C-alpha atoms as a PDB file:
ATOM      1  CA  UNK A   1      83.441  78.594 100.425  1.00  0.00           C
ATOM      2  CA  UNK A   2      87.152  79.114 100.757  1.00  0.00           C
ATOM      3  CA  UNK A   3      88.575  79.905 104.131  1.00  0.00           C
ATOM      4  CA  UNK A   4      89.283  83.499 104.967  1.00  0.00           C
ATOM      5  CA  UNK A   5      92.648  84.490 106.290  1.00  0.00           C
ATOM      6  CA  UNK A   6      92.969  87.402 108.676  1.00  0.00           C
ATOM      7  CA  UNK A   7      95.866  89.631 107.628  1.00  0.00           C
ATOM      8  CA  UNK A   8      96.972  92.133 110.224  1.00  0.00           C
ATOM      9  CA  UNK A   9      98.730  95.078 108.579  1.00  0.00           C
ATOM     10  CA  UNK A  10     101.309  97.343 110.137  1.00  0.00           C
ATOM     11  CA  UNK A  11      98.737  99.579 111.758  1.00  0.00           C
ATOM     12  CA  UNK A  12      97.591  96.571 113.762  1.00  0.00           C
ATOM     13  CA  UNK A  13      94.286  95.655 115.239  1.00  0.00           C
ATOM     14  CA  UNK A  14      92.134  98.480 116.425  1.00  0.00           C
ATOM     15  CA  UNK A  15      90.169  98.363 119.640  1.00  0.00           C
ATOM     16  CA  UNK A  16      86.615  99.468 119.054  1.00  0.00           C
ATOM     17  CA  UNK A  17      85.224  99.547 122.563  1.00  0.00           C
ATOM     18  CA  UNK A  18      82.290 101.900 122.793  1.00  0.00           C
ATOM     19  CA  UNK A  19      81.631 101.948 119.027  1.00  0.00           C
ATOM     20  CA  UNK A  20      78.345 100.120 119.416  1.00  0.00           C
ATOM     21  CA  UNK A  21      76.935 102.728 121.720  1.00  0.00           C
ATOM     22  CA  UNK A  22      75.362 104.685 118.885  1.00  0.00           C
ATOM     23  CA  UNK A  23      71.884 104.547 120.328  1.00  0.00           C
ATOM     24  CA  UNK A  24      70.622 102.833 117.147  1.00  0.00           C
ATOM     25  CA  UNK A  25      67.956 100.147 116.989  1.00  0.00           C
ATOM     26  CA  UNK A  26      68.998  97.287 119.225  1.00  0.00           C
ATOM     27  CA  UNK A  27      72.255  98.959 120.235  1.00  0.00           C
ATOM     28  CA  UNK A  28      73.472  97.467 123.483  1.00  0.00           C
ATOM     29  CA  UNK A  29      70.238  95.524 124.012  1.00  0.00           C
ATOM     30  CA  UNK A  30      70.737  91.815 124.665  1.00  0.00           C
ATOM     31  CA  UNK A  31      68.826  89.650 122.185  1.00  0.00           C
ATOM     32  CA  UNK A  32      67.854  92.560 119.941  1.00  0.00           C
ATOM     33  CA  UNK A  33      68.759  92.442 116.239  1.00  0.00           C
ATOM     34  CA  UNK A  34      71.779  94.400 115.029  1.00  0.00           C
ATOM     35  CA  UNK A  35      70.607  97.002 112.528  1.00  0.00           C
ATOM     36  CA  UNK A  36      73.016  97.202 109.581  1.00  0.00           C
ATOM     37  CA  UNK A  37      72.944  99.744 106.782  1.00  0.00           C
ATOM     38  CA  UNK A  38      74.589  98.193 103.706  1.00  0.00           C
ATOM     39  CA  UNK A  39      75.293 100.131 100.515  1.00  0.00           C
ATOM     40  CA  UNK A  40      76.198  98.009  97.490  1.00  0.00           C
ATOM     41  CA  UNK A  41      77.986  99.293  94.376  1.00  0.00           C
ATOM     42  CA  UNK A  42      75.293  98.006  92.022  1.00  0.00           C
ATOM     43  CA  UNK A  43      74.602  94.889  89.967  1.00  0.00           C
ATOM     44  CA  UNK A  44      77.168  95.328  87.206  1.00  0.00           C
ATOM     45  CA  UNK A  45      78.397  91.734  86.982  1.00  0.00           C
ATOM     46  CA  UNK A  46      77.870  88.084  87.904  1.00  0.00           C
ATOM     47  CA  UNK A  47      80.410  88.634  90.692  1.00  0.00           C
ATOM     48  CA  UNK A  48      78.427  91.491  92.208  1.00  0.00           C
ATOM     49  CA  UNK A  49      75.152  89.553  92.059  1.00  0.00           C
ATOM     50  CA  UNK A  50      76.773  86.668  93.956  1.00  0.00           C
ATOM     51  CA  UNK A  51      78.294  89.107  96.450  1.00  0.00           C
ATOM     52  CA  UNK A  52      74.928  90.757  97.148  1.00  0.00           C
ATOM     53  CA  UNK A  53      73.229  87.389  97.620  1.00  0.00           C
ATOM     54  CA  UNK A  54      75.950  86.283 100.061  1.00  0.00           C
ATOM     55  CA  UNK A  55      75.625  89.489 102.118  1.00  0.00           C
ATOM     56  CA  UNK A  56      71.809  89.364 102.238  1.00  0.00           C
ATOM     57  CA  UNK A  57      71.795  85.707 103.292  1.00  0.00           C
ATOM     58  CA  UNK A  58      74.347  86.315 106.066  1.00  0.00           C
ATOM     59  CA  UNK A  59      72.734  89.507 107.414  1.00  0.00           C
ATOM     60  CA  UNK A  60      69.258  88.006 107.730  1.00  0.00           C
ATOM     61  CA  UNK A  61      66.663  88.100 110.495  1.00  0.00           C
ATOM     62  CA  UNK A  62      66.319  87.385 113.327  1.00  0.00           C
ATOM     63  CA  UNK A  63      69.915  88.232 114.255  1.00  0.00           C
ATOM     64  CA  UNK A  64      70.191  91.211 111.904  1.00  0.00           C
ATOM     65  CA  UNK A  65      67.898  93.922 110.611  1.00  0.00           C
ATOM     66  CA  UNK A  66      69.274  94.866 107.178  1.00  0.00           C
ATOM     67  CA  UNK A  67      68.782  98.212 105.467  1.00  0.00           C
ATOM     68  CA  UNK A  68      70.011  97.582 101.891  1.00  0.00           C
ATOM     69  CA  UNK A  69      70.727 100.212  99.234  1.00  0.00           C
ATOM     70  CA  UNK A  70      71.871  99.727  95.612  1.00  0.00           C
ATOM     71  CA  UNK A  71      74.031 102.667  94.457  1.00  0.00           C
ATOM     72  CA  UNK A  72      73.701 101.785  90.754  1.00  0.00           C
ATOM     73  CA  UNK A  73      77.436 102.500  90.384  1.00  0.00           C
ATOM     74  CA  UNK A  74      77.060 106.165  91.379  1.00  0.00           C
ATOM     75  CA  UNK A  75      78.992 107.621  94.297  1.00  0.00           C
ATOM     76  CA  UNK A  76      76.377 110.305  94.929  1.00  0.00           C
ATOM     77  CA  UNK A  77      73.752 107.585  95.499  1.00  0.00           C
ATOM     78  CA  UNK A  78      76.043 105.842  97.938  1.00  0.00           C
ATOM     79  CA  UNK A  79      76.817 108.981  99.930  1.00  0.00           C
ATOM     80  CA  UNK A  80      73.067 109.682 100.108  1.00  0.00           C
ATOM     81  CA  UNK A  81      72.480 106.134 101.398  1.00  0.00           C
ATOM     82  CA  UNK A  82      75.196 106.460 104.053  1.00  0.00           C
ATOM     83  CA  UNK A  83      73.674 109.729 105.279  1.00  0.00           C
ATOM     84  CA  UNK A  84      70.278 108.046 105.411  1.00  0.00           C
ATOM     85  CA  UNK A  85      71.762 105.226 107.541  1.00  0.00           C
ATOM     86  CA  UNK A  86      73.272 107.824 109.887  1.00  0.00           C
ATOM     87  CA  UNK A  87      69.903 109.589 110.182  1.00  0.00           C
ATOM     88  CA  UNK A  88      68.242 106.222 110.959  1.00  0.00           C
ATOM     89  CA  UNK A  89      70.895 105.644 113.645  1.00  0.00           C
ATOM     90  CA  UNK A  90      71.731 102.135 112.489  1.00  0.00           C
ATOM     91  CA  UNK A  91      74.159 100.157 114.671  1.00  0.00           C
ATOM     92  CA  UNK A  92      76.757  99.473 111.968  1.00  0.00           C
ATOM     93  CA  UNK A  93      77.294 100.757 108.421  1.00  0.00           C
ATOM     94  CA  UNK A  94      78.880  98.472 105.818  1.00  0.00           C
ATOM     95  CA  UNK A  95      79.517  99.401 102.202  1.00  0.00           C
ATOM     96  CA  UNK A  96      81.458  98.523  99.076  1.00  0.00           C
ATOM     97  CA  UNK A  97      82.653 101.904  97.765  1.00  0.00           C
ATOM     98  CA  UNK A  98      82.101 102.753  94.104  1.00  0.00           C
ATOM     99  CA  UNK A  99      85.416 104.646  93.945  1.00  0.00           C
ATOM    100  CA  UNK A 100      88.302 105.148  96.374  1.00  0.00           C
ATOM    101  CA  UNK A 101      88.236 108.901  96.992  1.00  0.00           C
ATOM    102  CA  UNK A 102      85.606 111.388  98.191  1.00  0.00           C
ATOM    103  CA  UNK A 103      84.473 109.627 101.389  1.00  0.00           C
ATOM    104  CA  UNK A 104      86.155 111.720 104.083  1.00  0.00           C
ATOM    105  CA  UNK A 105      83.196 113.992 104.896  1.00  0.00           C
ATOM    106  CA  UNK A 106      80.471 111.338 105.153  1.00  0.00           C
ATOM    107  CA  UNK A 107      82.720 108.973 107.128  1.00  0.00           C
ATOM    108  CA  UNK A 108      83.460 111.777 109.603  1.00  0.00           C
ATOM    109  CA  UNK A 109      79.691 112.223 109.957  1.00  0.00           C
ATOM    110  CA  UNK A 110      79.326 108.516 110.770  1.00  0.00           C
ATOM    111  CA  UNK A 111      82.170 108.696 113.291  1.00  0.00           C
ATOM    112  CA  UNK A 112      80.619 111.773 114.953  1.00  0.00           C
ATOM    113  CA  UNK A 113      77.357 109.827 115.248  1.00  0.00           C
ATOM    114  CA  UNK A 114      79.209 106.926 116.912  1.00  0.00           C
ATOM    115  CA  UNK A 115      78.391 104.477 114.118  1.00  0.00           C
ATOM    116  CA  UNK A 116      81.247 102.132 113.147  1.00  0.00           C
ATOM    117  CA  UNK A 117      81.893 101.500 109.453  1.00  0.00           C
ATOM    118  CA  UNK A 118      83.009  98.240 107.851  1.00  0.00           C
ATOM    119  CA  UNK A 119      84.393  98.339 104.303  1.00  0.00           C
ATOM    120  CA  UNK A 120      83.693  95.343 102.085  1.00  0.00           C
ATOM    121  CA  UNK A 121      85.390  94.323  98.825  1.00  0.00           C
ATOM    122  CA  UNK A 122      86.879  97.769  98.076  1.00  0.00           C
ATOM    123  CA  UNK A 123      89.043 100.193 100.034  1.00  0.00           C
ATOM    124  CA  UNK A 124      88.783 103.959 100.500  1.00  0.00           C
ATOM    125  CA  UNK A 125      91.479 106.613 100.335  1.00  0.00           C
ATOM    126  CA  UNK A 126      91.147 108.746 103.484  1.00  0.00           C
ATOM    127  CA  UNK A 127      93.639 110.735 105.562  1.00  0.00           C
ATOM    128  CA  UNK A 128      92.452 109.136 108.819  1.00  0.00           C
ATOM    129  CA  UNK A 129      92.002 105.371 108.811  1.00  0.00           C
ATOM    130  CA  UNK A 130      90.153 105.490 112.134  1.00  0.00           C
ATOM    131  CA  UNK A 131      87.141 106.570 110.037  1.00  0.00           C
ATOM    132  CA  UNK A 132      86.475 102.881 109.398  1.00  0.00           C
ATOM    133  CA  UNK A 133      86.773  99.892 111.707  1.00  0.00           C
ATOM    134  CA  UNK A 134      87.965  97.207 109.314  1.00  0.00           C
ATOM    135  CA  UNK A 135      88.168  96.291 105.639  1.00  0.00           C
ATOM    136  CA  UNK A 136      87.398  92.811 104.302  1.00  0.00           C
ATOM    137  CA  UNK A 137      88.218  92.016 100.704  1.00  0.00           C
ATOM    138  CA  UNK A 138      90.627  90.654  98.166  1.00  0.00           C
ATOM    139  CA  UNK A 139      94.154  91.893  97.490  1.00  0.00           C
ATOM    140  CA  UNK A 140      93.507  93.509  94.110  1.00  0.00           C
ATOM    141  CA  UNK A 141      97.166  94.347  93.495  1.00  0.00           C
ATOM    142  CA  UNK A 142      98.086  90.698  93.976  1.00  0.00           C
ATOM    143  CA  UNK A 143      95.290  89.695  91.577  1.00  0.00           C
ATOM    144  CA  UNK A 144      96.865  91.888  88.899  1.00  0.00           C
ATOM    145  CA  UNK A 145     100.263  90.345  89.645  1.00  0.00           C
ATOM    146  CA  UNK A 146      98.816  86.839  89.347  1.00  0.00           C
ATOM    147  CA  UNK A 147      97.316  87.643  85.949  1.00  0.00           C
ATOM    148  CA  UNK A 148     100.702  88.939  84.768  1.00  0.00           C
ATOM    149  CA  UNK A 149     102.591  85.950  86.177  1.00  0.00           C
ATOM    150  CA  UNK A 150     100.223  83.605  84.358  1.00  0.00           C
ATOM    151  CA  UNK A 151     100.849  85.539  81.121  1.00  0.00           C
ATOM    152  CA  UNK A 152     104.621  85.384  81.530  1.00  0.00           C
ATOM    153  CA  UNK A 153     104.448  81.641  82.146  1.00  0.00           C
ATOM    154  CA  UNK A 154     102.138  81.135  79.162  1.00  0.00           C
ATOM    155  CA  UNK A 155     104.467  83.219  76.970  1.00  0.00           C
ATOM    156  CA  UNK A 156     107.538  81.094  77.587  1.00  0.00           C
ATOM    157  CA  UNK A 157     109.486  80.761  74.329  1.00  0.00           C
ATOM    158  CA  UNK A 158     107.406  83.410  72.538  1.00  0.00           C
ATOM    159  CA  UNK A 159     109.291  86.249  70.890  1.00  0.00           C
ATOM    160  CA  UNK A 160     108.288  89.865  71.402  1.00  0.00           C
ATOM    161  CA  UNK A 161     106.721  92.226  70.974  1.00  0.00           C
ATOM    162  CA  UNK A 162     103.647  90.791  72.712  1.00  0.00           C
ATOM    163  CA  UNK A 163     100.964  93.425  72.291  1.00  0.00           C
ATOM    164  CA  UNK A 164      98.400  93.679  75.111  1.00  0.00           C
ATOM    165  CA  UNK A 165      95.091  95.524  75.297  1.00  0.00           C
ATOM    166  CA  UNK A 166      93.602  96.195  78.719  1.00  0.00           C
ATOM    167  CA  UNK A 167      89.941  96.486  79.670  1.00  0.00           C
ATOM    168  CA  UNK A 168      89.948  98.489  82.887  1.00  0.00           C
ATOM    169  CA  UNK A 169      87.231  98.477  85.521  1.00  0.00           C
ATOM    170  CA  UNK A 170      85.306 101.544  86.685  1.00  0.00           C
ATOM    171  CA  UNK A 171      87.563 104.608  86.591  1.00  0.00           C
ATOM    172  CA  UNK A 172      88.784 105.521  90.077  1.00  0.00           C
ATOM    173  CA  UNK A 173      87.655 102.264  91.702  1.00  0.00           C
ATOM    174  CA  UNK A 174      90.043 100.322  93.930  1.00  0.00           C
ATOM    175  CA  UNK A 175      89.987  97.107  91.859  1.00  0.00           C
ATOM    176  CA  UNK A 176      90.662  98.993  88.617  1.00  0.00           C
ATOM    177  CA  UNK A 177      93.516 101.014  90.122  1.00  0.00           C
ATOM    178  CA  UNK A 178      95.101  98.102  91.955  1.00  0.00           C
ATOM    179  CA  UNK A 179      94.733  95.382  89.314  1.00  0.00           C
ATOM    180  CA  UNK A 180      96.308  97.698  86.755  1.00  0.00           C
ATOM    181  CA  UNK A 181      99.156  98.501  89.132  1.00  0.00           C
ATOM    182  CA  UNK A 182      99.860  94.862  90.005  1.00  0.00           C
ATOM    183  CA  UNK A 183      99.774  93.729  86.380  1.00  0.00           C
ATOM    184  CA  UNK A 184     102.132  96.483  85.198  1.00  0.00           C
ATOM    185  CA  UNK A 185     104.487  95.925  88.105  1.00  0.00           C
ATOM    186  CA  UNK A 186     105.153  92.356  86.934  1.00  0.00           C
ATOM    187  CA  UNK A 187     105.230  92.760  83.137  1.00  0.00           C
ATOM    188  CA  UNK A 188     107.495  95.830  83.292  1.00  0.00           C
ATOM    189  CA  UNK A 189     110.348  93.430  84.040  1.00  0.00           C
ATOM    190  CA  UNK A 190     109.955  91.786  80.615  1.00  0.00           C
ATOM    191  CA  UNK A 191     110.582  93.968  77.547  1.00  0.00           C
ATOM    192  CA  UNK A 192     108.521  91.695  75.276  1.00  0.00           C
ATOM    193  CA  UNK A 193     105.254  92.969  76.723  1.00  0.00           C
ATOM    194  CA  UNK A 194     103.629  96.215  75.576  1.00  0.00           C
ATOM    195  CA  UNK A 195     100.245  97.560  76.669  1.00  0.00           C
ATOM    196  CA  UNK A 196      99.109  99.254  73.459  1.00  0.00           C
ATOM    197  CA  UNK A 197      95.536 100.175  74.450  1.00  0.00           C
ATOM    198  CA  UNK A 198      93.898 100.629  77.833  1.00  0.00           C
ATOM    199  CA  UNK A 199      90.351 101.837  78.419  1.00  0.00           C
ATOM    200  CA  UNK A 200      87.538 101.407  80.935  1.00  0.00           C
ATOM    201  CA  UNK A 201      84.776  98.937  80.198  1.00  0.00           C
ATOM    202  CA  UNK A 202      83.137  99.847  83.527  1.00  0.00           C
ATOM    203  CA  UNK A 203      83.114  96.188  84.686  1.00  0.00           C
ATOM    204  CA  UNK A 204      80.115  95.417  82.421  1.00  0.00           C
ATOM    205  CA  UNK A 205      79.723  92.872  79.633  1.00  0.00           C
ATOM    206  CA  UNK A 206      78.134  95.379  77.233  1.00  0.00           C
ATOM    207  CA  UNK A 207      80.898  97.974  77.654  1.00  0.00           C
ATOM    208  CA  UNK A 208      83.563  95.274  77.462  1.00  0.00           C
ATOM    209  CA  UNK A 209      82.220  94.260  74.042  1.00  0.00           C
ATOM    210  CA  UNK A 210      81.955  97.871  72.879  1.00  0.00           C
ATOM    211  CA  UNK A 211      85.497  98.828  73.925  1.00  0.00           C
ATOM    212  CA  UNK A 212      86.976  95.607  72.504  1.00  0.00           C
ATOM    213  CA  UNK A 213      85.312  96.375  69.159  1.00  0.00           C
ATOM    214  CA  UNK A 214      87.099  99.731  69.185  1.00  0.00           C
ATOM    215  CA  UNK A 215      90.419  98.074  70.106  1.00  0.00           C
ATOM    216  CA  UNK A 216      90.079  95.583  67.228  1.00  0.00           C
ATOM    217  CA  UNK A 217      89.393  98.356  64.730  1.00  0.00           C
ATOM    218  CA  UNK A 218      92.258 100.526  65.994  1.00  0.00           C
ATOM    219  CA  UNK A 219      94.836  97.736  66.144  1.00  0.00           C
ATOM    220  CA  UNK A 220      93.773  95.803  63.015  1.00  0.00           C
ATOM    221  CA  UNK A 221      95.053  92.322  63.792  1.00  0.00           C
ATOM    222  CA  UNK A 222      97.942  93.432  66.019  1.00  0.00           C
ATOM    223  CA  UNK A 223      96.504  92.301  69.375  1.00  0.00           C
ATOM    224  CA  UNK A 224      98.146  89.285  71.017  1.00  0.00           C
ATOM    225  CA  UNK A 225      96.661  89.406  74.524  1.00  0.00           C
ATOM    226  CA  UNK A 226      93.628  90.840  76.310  1.00  0.00           C
ATOM    227  CA  UNK A 227      93.874  91.551  80.036  1.00  0.00           C
ATOM    228  CA  UNK A 228      90.395  92.272  81.434  1.00  0.00           C
ATOM    229  CA  UNK A 229      89.891  93.539  84.983  1.00  0.00           C
ATOM    230  CA  UNK A 230      86.854  91.267  85.342  1.00  0.00           C
ATOM    231  CA  UNK A 231      85.303  88.230  83.677  1.00  0.00           C
ATOM    232  CA  UNK A 232      82.155  90.004  82.511  1.00  0.00           C
ATOM    233  CA  UNK A 233      84.148  92.445  80.370  1.00  0.00           C
ATOM    234  CA  UNK A 234      86.197  89.514  79.036  1.00  0.00           C
ATOM    235  CA  UNK A 235      83.010  87.648  78.078  1.00  0.00           C
ATOM    236  CA  UNK A 236      81.741  90.738  76.243  1.00  0.00           C
ATOM    237  CA  UNK A 237      85.125  91.053  74.516  1.00  0.00           C
ATOM    238  CA  UNK A 238      85.010  87.386  73.454  1.00  0.00           C
ATOM    239  CA  UNK A 239      81.818  88.146  71.551  1.00  0.00           C
ATOM    240  CA  UNK A 240      83.488  91.114  69.808  1.00  0.00           C
ATOM    241  CA  UNK A 241      86.527  88.987  68.893  1.00  0.00           C
ATOM    242  CA  UNK A 242      84.332  86.261  67.387  1.00  0.00           C
ATOM    243  CA  UNK A 243      82.272  88.798  65.443  1.00  0.00           C
ATOM    244  CA  UNK A 244      85.568  90.117  64.009  1.00  0.00           C
ATOM    245  CA  UNK A 245      86.270  86.622  62.645  1.00  0.00           C
ATOM    246  CA  UNK A 246      89.005  85.773  65.167  1.00  0.00           C
ATOM    247  CA  UNK A 247      89.325  82.933  67.677  1.00  0.00           C
ATOM    248  CA  UNK A 248      89.382  84.054  71.330  1.00  0.00           C
ATOM    249  CA  UNK A 249      91.786  81.951  73.361  1.00  0.00           C
ATOM    250  CA  UNK A 250      94.100  81.276  70.414  1.00  0.00           C
ATOM    251  CA  UNK A 251      94.292  84.277  68.040  1.00  0.00           C
ATOM    252  CA  UNK A 252      94.044  86.498  71.123  1.00  0.00           C
ATOM    253  CA  UNK A 253      94.942  85.019  74.494  1.00  0.00           C
ATOM    254  CA  UNK A 254      92.706  86.264  77.306  1.00  0.00           C
ATOM    255  CA  UNK A 255      93.278  86.508  81.048  1.00  0.00           C
ATOM    256  CA  UNK A 256      90.675  88.057  83.345  1.00  0.00           C
ATOM    257  CA  UNK A 257      89.800  88.334  87.026  1.00  0.00           C
ATOM    258  CA  UNK A 258      86.915  87.112  89.236  1.00  0.00           C
ATOM    259  CA  UNK A 259      86.472  83.377  88.603  1.00  0.00           C
ATOM    260  CA  UNK A 260      82.715  83.473  87.963  1.00  0.00           C
ATOM    261  CA  UNK A 261      80.842  80.524  86.451  1.00  0.00           C
ATOM    262  CA  UNK A 262      80.641  82.270  83.063  1.00  0.00           C
ATOM    263  CA  UNK A 263      84.447  82.429  82.942  1.00  0.00           C
ATOM    264  CA  UNK A 264      84.716  78.695  83.600  1.00  0.00           C
ATOM    265  CA  UNK A 265      82.193  78.016  80.848  1.00  0.00           C
ATOM    266  CA  UNK A 266      84.256  80.194  78.470  1.00  0.00           C
ATOM    267  CA  UNK A 267      87.461  78.377  79.469  1.00  0.00           C
ATOM    268  CA  UNK A 268      85.805  74.997  78.977  1.00  0.00           C
ATOM    269  CA  UNK A 269      84.807  76.155  75.468  1.00  0.00           C
ATOM    270  CA  UNK A 270      88.430  77.170  74.776  1.00  0.00           C
ATOM    271  CA  UNK A 271      87.636  80.879  74.532  1.00  0.00           C
ATOM    272  CA  UNK A 272      89.259  82.173  77.753  1.00  0.00           C
ATOM    273  CA  UNK A 273      92.760  81.137  78.796  1.00  0.00           C
ATOM    274  CA  UNK A 274      92.845  81.945  82.513  1.00  0.00           C
ATOM    275  CA  UNK A 275      90.908  83.611  85.303  1.00  0.00           C
ATOM    276  CA  UNK A 276      92.253  84.886  88.615  1.00  0.00           C
ATOM    277  CA  UNK A 277      89.844  84.162  91.441  1.00  0.00           C
ATOM    278  CA  UNK A 278      88.251  86.980  93.436  1.00  0.00           C
ATOM    279  CA  UNK A 279      85.868  85.410  95.921  1.00  0.00           C
ATOM    280  CA  UNK A 280      82.540  87.296  96.280  1.00  0.00           C
ATOM    281  CA  UNK A 281      81.156  85.104  99.064  1.00  0.00           C
ATOM    282  CA  UNK A 282      82.069  87.484 101.876  1.00  0.00           C
ATOM    283  CA  UNK A 283      78.736  87.385 103.706  1.00  0.00           C
ATOM    284  CA  UNK A 284      79.525  85.061 106.619  1.00  0.00           C
ATOM    285  CA  UNK A 285      82.873  86.695 107.343  1.00  0.00           C
ATOM    286  CA  UNK A 286      81.284  90.155 107.097  1.00  0.00           C
ATOM    287  CA  UNK A 287      78.546  89.104 109.534  1.00  0.00           C
ATOM    288  CA  UNK A 288      81.141  87.993 112.086  1.00  0.00           C
ATOM    289  CA  UNK A 289      83.083  91.255 111.747  1.00  0.00           C
ATOM    290  CA  UNK A 290      79.851  93.204 112.268  1.00  0.00           C
ATOM    291  CA  UNK A 291      79.071  91.154 115.408  1.00  0.00           C
ATOM    292  CA  UNK A 292      82.556  91.850 116.758  1.00  0.00           C
ATOM    293  CA  UNK A 293      82.531  95.558 115.915  1.00  0.00           C
ATOM    294  CA  UNK A 294      79.058  95.987 117.413  1.00  0.00           C
ATOM    295  CA  UNK A 295      80.179  94.245 120.621  1.00  0.00           C
ATOM    296  CA  UNK A 296      83.267  96.480 120.878  1.00  0.00           C
ATOM    297  CA  UNK A 297      85.710  93.594 120.351  1.00  0.00           C
ATOM    298  CA  UNK A 298      89.076  94.029 118.650  1.00  0.00           C
ATOM    299  CA  UNK A 299      89.100  93.212 114.936  1.00  0.00           C
ATOM    300  CA  UNK A 300      91.930  93.149 112.388  1.00  0.00           C
ATOM    301  CA  UNK A 301      92.196  96.339 110.351  1.00  0.00           C
ATOM    302  CA  UNK A 302      92.500  94.266 107.160  1.00  0.00           C
ATOM    303  CA  UNK A 303      90.991  90.877 106.324  1.00  0.00           C
ATOM    304  CA  UNK A 304      92.328  89.267 103.125  1.00  0.00           C
ATOM    305  CA  UNK A 305      90.656  86.456 101.189  1.00  0.00           C
ATOM    306  CA  UNK A 306      92.600  83.384 100.028  1.00  0.00           C
ATOM    307  CA  UNK A 307      92.208  82.816  96.279  1.00  0.00           C
ATOM    308  CA  UNK A 308      93.706  80.959  93.323  1.00  0.00           C
ATOM    309  CA  UNK A 309      94.298  81.049  89.554  1.00  0.00           C
ATOM    310  CA  UNK A 310      92.456  78.734  87.147  1.00  0.00           C
ATOM    311  CA  UNK A 311      93.346  77.874  83.569  1.00  0.00           C
ATOM    312  CA  UNK A 312      91.604  76.387  80.566  1.00  0.00           C
ATOM    313  CA  UNK A 313      92.734  72.841  81.346  1.00  0.00           C
ATOM    314  CA  UNK A 314      91.194  72.983  84.843  1.00  0.00           C
ATOM    315  CA  UNK A 315      87.832  74.433  83.805  1.00  0.00           C
ATOM    316  CA  UNK A 316      85.812  71.270  83.143  1.00  0.00           C
ATOM    317  CA  UNK A 317      86.752  69.677  86.473  1.00  0.00           C
ATOM    318  CA  UNK A 318      86.241  72.853  88.510  1.00  0.00           C
ATOM    319  CA  UNK A 319      83.008  74.117  86.891  1.00  0.00           C
ATOM    320  CA  UNK A 320      80.628  71.923  88.979  1.00  0.00           C
ATOM    321  CA  UNK A 321      82.220  73.320  92.165  1.00  0.00           C
ATOM    322  CA  UNK A 322      81.583  76.975  91.376  1.00  0.00           C
ATOM    323  CA  UNK A 323      79.036  78.596  93.676  1.00  0.00           C
ATOM    324  CA  UNK A 324      78.848  81.866  91.713  1.00  0.00           C
END
């Protein structure tokens, strides 16, 4: 697993003394397990499956007592789960939010109950950032920038217009918003590039295929590049491209984000050009943050993961090393 790098943003580290005094199971009791309520987005992709496995392995007995909830990609399920964790008086709440907005009320309830909250993978948009203790995850904006920089490099010497279709992630989610922003920020400096279609594939393979089929019909052979917000949508789109009688990776160049094993297999087969890594193996780092928060120690407000970009020519050598 790649090393994690602690990035301290302008707001600085936040002292959390007293946060563990929630009165939950094991709170303040030496040798007792730390009870953690964890709400996961769902199981929409290979990435998410690997992320869930990493979290469950790291938050295992005897050190932790894990209360796990799968939101099935619905915010209402997640809010219900968080309220259930508050009612159970867990020691720490951790969750990967389905979308960015709409969390203010339930997070205030957690704060009033004295239960610290750790965000994983995705951020929230709240007016008061003291409503959560820390956020561990990737820099989604930078991931979008990396995808765009790869495309610019791969397009050297190519005349415009270069017509791009975009498969967005779940509407309103942090990775969808930020990856789109980062990608556009970079390509806007080059007039050759045009995003001609952009639609959500909800981070799933099935929806990625369905939306790509619609793009292919609408654009009728005028698509040069696909930018997919995750590998699973790209893999679904590859199927649609092949069924349309085109060659993914050559007729339509494809760049996606996550770096899952399926993406490396597609690159090795010459069907995907590049993937930007987004490391799902956050479990061990999350466990340490939970220990620190529970003990009232200072933690960084933002923890950023170190990641890379992989291309077709690296896929065969790197594939055996992939852990997800």
